[in-house]
Amino acid sequence: MKSAYTIVKTLILSEKISREMEKANRYCFKVEPSANKLEIKQAVEQLFKVHVVKVNTMRRKGKLKRERAARYGRTSFHKRAMVTLKAGDKIEIV
């Protein structure tokens, strides 16, 4: 089994995600692409000492970026996990 620190990489913050955090008690994490929903749930519960109700995952394609002349490259893809917490639970963001 993978370590919880290798499964959950970072917390993603944006305006849309901030609204979800306030309204629906949902948090968004960048996670290891090979991790499944059960592993993500266990990792978040272990790291933040909260109770996870639901996990939704999405795979985000890398964007096509142009370099200097006509050379094109692509940013790396990543996997996101939207984690819904039990009512009353909260993750402290410092």
Foldseek 3Di string as FASTA:
>chain_A
DDALCQFFPAWDDDPVQVVCCVPQVKTKTWGDPVDDPVSNQVSCCVPQVFHWDDKDKDKAFWDWDADDDRDIDTDHITMMIITGTDPPDHGDDD
